[in-house]
Amino acid sequence: SSGINAEYGDWAISYYNHIDTLNKLYHCDVVARRDFDAYFTEIARAREVCEFGLWEDHLVEWLAHQGEANILFLTYEDLVEDTGRELAKIAKFLGVDLTDDLAEKVLEEGRFEKMQRNDKVNYSWLVDSSKPFMRHGRVGGWKGKLSEEQEKVLDAAIEKVEAAGGKIRCTL
């Protein structure tokens, strides 16, 4: 089994579903005409096709700005692991006085289940209800969905990010 980064594995699956679900918004059927395997090969790993470039190149570019006052690095894994801790980091970064009452309200309104039902953030006005925009909100959704070859490709990408100083988590 691979030492694949949950973040990247989840990104690959989530981004495929994101593009597929918001196909109307993107006015592009490039994903809709492909299953995940074809998407992974033809889009997610093709530097000239992927919307924002390759995942690892994108991260390496941002890692060069680590420590700058106007850059805050967070991971979804950290947010899931301890939302309150990460909320405090965000508030400090933004210069917001995070009172106990405000933190409680933000944590309640920001729960995945609550956001999943909130029409203001779940794109229910745009997407087909059979393909929800917010699917499950868990870490590790990639497990069992990537082939061994895809995992090897992602492992190489992870090595590039780690070599640039990125801290990659594989589990919570």
C-alpha atoms as a PDB file:
ATOM      1  CA  SER A   1       0.000   0.000   0.000  1.00  0.00           C
ATOM      2  CA  SER A   2       1.128   3.506  -0.767  1.00  0.00           C
ATOM      3  CA  GLY A   3       2.063   6.209   1.693  1.00  0.00           C
ATOM      4  CA  ILE A   4      -0.236   8.500  -0.289  1.00  0.00           C
ATOM      5  CA  ASN A   5      -1.201  11.836   1.171  1.00  0.00           C
ATOM      6  CA  ALA A   6      -4.860  11.796   2.141  1.00  0.00           C
ATOM      7  CA  GLU A   7      -5.038  15.454   1.158  1.00  0.00           C
ATOM      8  CA  TYR A   8      -3.987  14.756  -2.422  1.00  0.00           C
ATOM      9  CA  GLY A   9      -5.985  11.571  -2.785  1.00  0.00           C
ATOM     10  CA  ASP A  10      -9.053  13.374  -1.482  1.00  0.00           C
ATOM     11  CA  TRP A  11      -8.282  16.367  -3.706  1.00  0.00           C
ATOM     12  CA  ALA A  12      -8.135  14.219  -6.827  1.00  0.00           C
ATOM     13  CA  ILE A  13     -11.507  12.600  -6.086  1.00  0.00           C
ATOM     14  CA  SER A  14     -13.129  15.804  -4.808  1.00  0.00           C
ATOM     15  CA  TYR A  15     -11.977  17.957  -7.705  1.00  0.00           C
ATOM     16  CA  TYR A  16     -13.302  15.415 -10.201  1.00  0.00           C
ATOM     17  CA  ASN A  17     -16.683  15.522  -8.456  1.00  0.00           C
ATOM     18  CA  HIS A  18     -16.545  19.323  -8.146  1.00  0.00           C
ATOM     19  CA  ILE A  19     -16.053  19.814 -11.880  1.00  0.00           C
ATOM     20  CA  ASP A  20     -18.582  17.123 -12.746  1.00  0.00           C
ATOM     21  CA  THR A  21     -21.201  18.549 -10.367  1.00  0.00           C
ATOM     22  CA  LEU A  22     -20.686  22.185 -11.388  1.00  0.00           C
ATOM     23  CA  ASN A  23     -20.540  21.358 -15.072  1.00  0.00           C
ATOM     24  CA  LYS A  24     -23.274  23.931 -15.810  1.00  0.00           C
ATOM     25  CA  LEU A  25     -21.204  26.664 -14.191  1.00  0.00           C
ATOM     26  CA  TYR A  26     -18.027  25.730 -16.026  1.00  0.00           C
ATOM     27  CA  HIS A  27     -19.882  25.338 -19.360  1.00  0.00           C
ATOM     28  CA  CYS A  28     -17.597  22.456 -20.092  1.00  0.00           C
ATOM     29  CA  ASP A  29     -18.321  18.791 -20.519  1.00  0.00           C
ATOM     30  CA  VAL A  30     -14.666  17.774 -20.384  1.00  0.00           C
ATOM     31  CA  VAL A  31     -15.194  15.826 -17.158  1.00  0.00           C
ATOM     32  CA  ALA A  32     -18.735  14.672 -17.829  1.00  0.00           C
ATOM     33  CA  ARG A  33     -17.497  12.686 -20.802  1.00  0.00           C
ATOM     34  CA  ARG A  34     -14.891  10.816 -18.721  1.00  0.00           C
ATOM     35  CA  ASP A  35     -14.834   8.388 -15.863  1.00  0.00           C
ATOM     36  CA  PHE A  36     -12.422   9.093 -13.006  1.00  0.00           C
ATOM     37  CA  ASP A  37      -9.566   7.045 -14.500  1.00  0.00           C
ATOM     38  CA  ALA A  38      -9.702   8.965 -17.785  1.00  0.00           C
ATOM     39  CA  TYR A  39     -10.015  12.266 -15.916  1.00  0.00           C
ATOM     40  CA  PHE A  40      -6.971  11.428 -13.783  1.00  0.00           C
ATOM     41  CA  THR A  41      -4.835  10.601 -16.804  1.00  0.00           C
ATOM     42  CA  GLU A  42      -6.073  13.221 -19.260  1.00  0.00           C
ATOM     43  CA  ILE A  43      -6.799  16.192 -17.001  1.00  0.00           C
ATOM     44  CA  ALA A  44      -5.537  15.993 -13.420  1.00  0.00           C
ATOM     45  CA  ARG A  45      -2.027  14.979 -14.507  1.00  0.00           C
ATOM     46  CA  ALA A  46      -1.765  17.022 -17.703  1.00  0.00           C
ATOM     47  CA  ARG A  47       0.023  20.291 -16.912  1.00  0.00           C
ATOM     48  CA  GLU A  48      -1.454  22.064 -19.938  1.00  0.00           C
ATOM     49  CA  VAL A  49      -5.029  20.923 -19.265  1.00  0.00           C
ATOM     50  CA  CYS A  50      -5.514  21.026 -15.505  1.00  0.00           C
ATOM     51  CA  GLU A  51      -7.322  24.248 -14.594  1.00  0.00           C
ATOM     52  CA  PHE A  52      -4.749  25.570 -12.105  1.00  0.00           C
ATOM     53  CA  GLY A  53      -1.763  23.475 -13.135  1.00  0.00           C
ATOM     54  CA  LEU A  54      -0.569  20.401 -11.328  1.00  0.00           C
ATOM     55  CA  TRP A  55      -1.413  20.087  -7.632  1.00  0.00           C
ATOM     56  CA  GLU A  56       2.211  19.767  -6.564  1.00  0.00           C
ATOM     57  CA  ASP A  57       3.389  22.741  -8.656  1.00  0.00           C
ATOM     58  CA  HIS A  58       0.590  24.860  -7.200  1.00  0.00           C
ATOM     59  CA  LEU A  59       1.617  23.954  -3.633  1.00  0.00           C
ATOM     60  CA  VAL A  60       5.338  24.409  -4.248  1.00  0.00           C
ATOM     61  CA  GLU A  61       4.683  27.931  -5.589  1.00  0.00           C
ATOM     62  CA  TRP A  62       2.724  28.830  -2.450  1.00  0.00           C
ATOM     63  CA  LEU A  63       5.236  27.186  -0.116  1.00  0.00           C
ATOM     64  CA  ALA A  64       7.791  29.704  -1.322  1.00  0.00           C
ATOM     65  CA  HIS A  65       5.686  32.297   0.564  1.00  0.00           C
ATOM     66  CA  GLN A  66       5.641  30.458   3.908  1.00  0.00           C
ATOM     67  CA  GLY A  67       6.150  32.839   6.767  1.00  0.00           C
ATOM     68  CA  GLU A  68       4.872  35.912   4.946  1.00  0.00           C
ATOM     69  CA  ALA A  69       2.491  37.967   7.056  1.00  0.00           C
ATOM     70  CA  ASN A  70      -0.388  37.817   4.580  1.00  0.00           C
ATOM     71  CA  ILE A  71      -0.303  34.048   3.953  1.00  0.00           C
ATOM     72  CA  LEU A  72      -1.986  31.444   6.167  1.00  0.00           C
ATOM     73  CA  PHE A  73      -1.560  27.742   5.450  1.00  0.00           C
ATOM     74  CA  LEU A  74      -4.345  25.425   6.617  1.00  0.00           C
ATOM     75  CA  THR A  75      -5.269  21.900   5.656  1.00  0.00           C
ATOM     76  CA  TYR A  76      -8.656  20.278   5.542  1.00  0.00           C
ATOM     77  CA  GLU A  77      -7.246  17.475   7.686  1.00  0.00           C
ATOM     78  CA  ASP A  78      -6.319  19.969  10.413  1.00  0.00           C
ATOM     79  CA  LEU A  79      -9.768  21.582  10.190  1.00  0.00           C
ATOM     80  CA  VAL A  80     -11.469  18.212  10.609  1.00  0.00           C
ATOM     81  CA  GLU A  81      -9.125  17.137  13.402  1.00  0.00           C
ATOM     82  CA  ASP A  82      -9.623  20.255  15.556  1.00  0.00           C
ATOM     83  CA  THR A  83     -11.914  22.875  14.074  1.00  0.00           C
ATOM     84  CA  GLY A  84     -11.724  25.121  17.139  1.00  0.00           C
ATOM     85  CA  ARG A  85      -7.921  25.243  17.038  1.00  0.00           C
ATOM     86  CA  GLU A  86      -7.933  26.114  13.340  1.00  0.00           C
ATOM     87  CA  LEU A  87     -10.684  28.706  13.830  1.00  0.00           C
ATOM     88  CA  ALA A  88      -8.485  30.415  16.439  1.00  0.00           C
ATOM     89  CA  LYS A  89      -5.618  30.499  13.897  1.00  0.00           C
ATOM     90  CA  ILE A  90      -7.907  32.051  11.274  1.00  0.00           C
ATOM     91  CA  ALA A  91      -9.244  34.661  13.709  1.00  0.00           C
ATOM     92  CA  LYS A  92      -5.721  35.610  14.805  1.00  0.00           C
ATOM     93  CA  PHE A  93      -4.590  35.850  11.178  1.00  0.00           C
ATOM     94  CA  LEU A  94      -7.541  38.133  10.345  1.00  0.00           C
ATOM     95  CA  GLY A  95      -7.184  40.183  13.518  1.00  0.00           C
ATOM     96  CA  VAL A  96     -10.656  39.198  14.700  1.00  0.00           C
ATOM     97  CA  ASP A  97     -11.451  39.131  18.415  1.00  0.00           C
ATOM     98  CA  LEU A  98     -12.801  35.591  18.750  1.00  0.00           C
ATOM     99  CA  THR A  99     -15.048  35.652  21.781  1.00  0.00           C
ATOM    100  CA  ASP A 100     -16.408  32.389  23.164  1.00  0.00           C
ATOM    101  CA  ASP A 101     -19.885  33.269  21.843  1.00  0.00           C
ATOM    102  CA  LEU A 102     -18.578  34.047  18.351  1.00  0.00           C
ATOM    103  CA  ALA A 103     -16.469  30.880  18.270  1.00  0.00           C
ATOM    104  CA  GLU A 104     -19.458  28.791  19.319  1.00  0.00           C
ATOM    105  CA  LYS A 105     -21.636  30.325  16.595  1.00  0.00           C
ATOM    106  CA  VAL A 106     -18.984  29.912  13.868  1.00  0.00           C
ATOM    107  CA  LEU A 107     -18.306  26.316  14.892  1.00  0.00           C
ATOM    108  CA  GLU A 108     -22.023  25.501  14.838  1.00  0.00           C
ATOM    109  CA  GLU A 109     -22.727  27.201  11.506  1.00  0.00           C
ATOM    110  CA  GLY A 110     -19.552  25.748   9.985  1.00  0.00           C
ATOM    111  CA  ARG A 111     -20.365  22.119  10.772  1.00  0.00           C
ATOM    112  CA  PHE A 112     -20.319  20.114   7.555  1.00  0.00           C
ATOM    113  CA  GLU A 113     -23.845  18.766   8.063  1.00  0.00           C
ATOM    114  CA  LYS A 114     -25.221  22.265   8.592  1.00  0.00           C
ATOM    115  CA  MET A 115     -23.399  23.712   5.573  1.00  0.00           C
ATOM    116  CA  GLN A 116     -24.510  20.748   3.458  1.00  0.00           C
ATOM    117  CA  ARG A 117     -28.133  21.774   4.121  1.00  0.00           C
ATOM    118  CA  ASN A 118     -27.517  25.533   3.682  1.00  0.00           C
ATOM    119  CA  ASP A 119     -28.714  26.716   0.270  1.00  0.00           C
ATOM    120  CA  LYS A 120     -26.307  29.667   0.444  1.00  0.00           C
ATOM    121  CA  VAL A 121     -23.252  27.377   0.290  1.00  0.00           C
ATOM    122  CA  ASN A 122     -24.376  24.014  -1.119  1.00  0.00           C
ATOM    123  CA  TYR A 123     -25.096  25.123  -4.708  1.00  0.00           C
ATOM    124  CA  SER A 124     -28.520  23.457  -4.556  1.00  0.00           C
ATOM    125  CA  TRP A 125     -29.801  26.202  -6.824  1.00  0.00           C
ATOM    126  CA  LEU A 126     -27.389  25.070  -9.529  1.00  0.00           C
ATOM    127  CA  VAL A 127     -26.651  21.381  -9.214  1.00  0.00           C
ATOM    128  CA  ASP A 128     -28.533  18.186  -9.891  1.00  0.00           C
ATOM    129  CA  SER A 129     -29.658  16.872  -6.509  1.00  0.00           C
ATOM    130  CA  SER A 130     -28.484  13.372  -7.457  1.00  0.00           C
ATOM    131  CA  LYS A 131     -24.906  14.769  -7.431  1.00  0.00           C
ATOM    132  CA  PRO A 132     -24.623  16.962  -4.327  1.00  0.00           C
ATOM    133  CA  PHE A 133     -21.903  19.622  -4.320  1.00  0.00           C
ATOM    134  CA  MET A 134     -20.950  18.791  -0.741  1.00  0.00           C
ATOM    135  CA  ARG A 135     -20.657  15.029  -0.681  1.00  0.00           C
ATOM    136  CA  HIS A 136     -19.462  13.723   2.696  1.00  0.00           C
ATOM    137  CA  GLY A 137     -16.881  16.021   4.320  1.00  0.00           C
ATOM    138  CA  ARG A 138     -14.658  13.220   5.540  1.00  0.00           C
ATOM    139  CA  VAL A 139     -10.933  12.736   5.198  1.00  0.00           C
ATOM    140  CA  GLY A 140      -9.904   9.566   3.399  1.00  0.00           C
ATOM    141  CA  GLY A 141     -12.644   9.358   0.780  1.00  0.00           C
ATOM    142  CA  TRP A 142     -10.004   8.447  -1.794  1.00  0.00           C
ATOM    143  CA  LYS A 143      -9.282   5.055  -0.206  1.00  0.00           C
ATOM    144  CA  GLY A 144     -10.232   2.250  -2.534  1.00  0.00           C
ATOM    145  CA  LYS A 145     -10.852   4.631  -5.433  1.00  0.00           C
ATOM    146  CA  LEU A 146      -7.315   5.063  -6.752  1.00  0.00           C
ATOM    147  CA  SER A 147      -5.436   2.395  -8.631  1.00  0.00           C
ATOM    148  CA  GLU A 148      -1.963   1.330  -7.532  1.00  0.00           C
ATOM    149  CA  GLU A 149      -0.519   3.189 -10.536  1.00  0.00           C
ATOM    150  CA  GLN A 150      -2.431   6.372  -9.612  1.00  0.00           C
ATOM    151  CA  GLU A 151      -1.135   6.106  -6.046  1.00  0.00           C
ATOM    152  CA  LYS A 152       2.446   5.878  -7.358  1.00  0.00           C
ATOM    153  CA  VAL A 153       1.924   9.004  -9.466  1.00  0.00           C
ATOM    154  CA  LEU A 154       0.566  10.856  -6.444  1.00  0.00           C
ATOM    155  CA  ASP A 155       3.402   9.606  -4.223  1.00  0.00           C
ATOM    156  CA  ALA A 156       5.912  11.229  -6.605  1.00  0.00           C
ATOM    157  CA  ALA A 157       3.936  14.476  -6.464  1.00  0.00           C
ATOM    158  CA  ILE A 158       3.943  14.342  -2.666  1.00  0.00           C
ATOM    159  CA  GLU A 159       7.709  13.875  -2.601  1.00  0.00           C
ATOM    160  CA  LYS A 160       8.074  17.082  -4.632  1.00  0.00           C
ATOM    161  CA  VAL A 161       5.907  19.018  -2.159  1.00  0.00           C
ATOM    162  CA  GLU A 162       7.734  17.607   0.855  1.00  0.00           C
ATOM    163  CA  ALA A 163      11.103  18.481  -0.720  1.00  0.00           C
ATOM    164  CA  ALA A 164       9.866  22.092  -0.912  1.00  0.00           C
ATOM    165  CA  GLY A 165       9.033  22.104   2.803  1.00  0.00           C
ATOM    166  CA  GLY A 166       5.411  21.025   2.664  1.00  0.00           C
ATOM    167  CA  LYS A 167       4.112  19.019   5.585  1.00  0.00           C
ATOM    168  CA  ILE A 168       1.934  16.235   4.249  1.00  0.00           C
ATOM    169  CA  ARG A 169      -0.485  14.310   6.436  1.00  0.00           C
ATOM    170  CA  CYS A 170      -1.665  10.833   5.566  1.00  0.00           C
ATOM    171  CA  THR A 171      -4.141  10.340   8.420  1.00  0.00           C
ATOM    172  CA  LEU A 172      -5.925  12.277  11.106  1.00  0.00           C
END
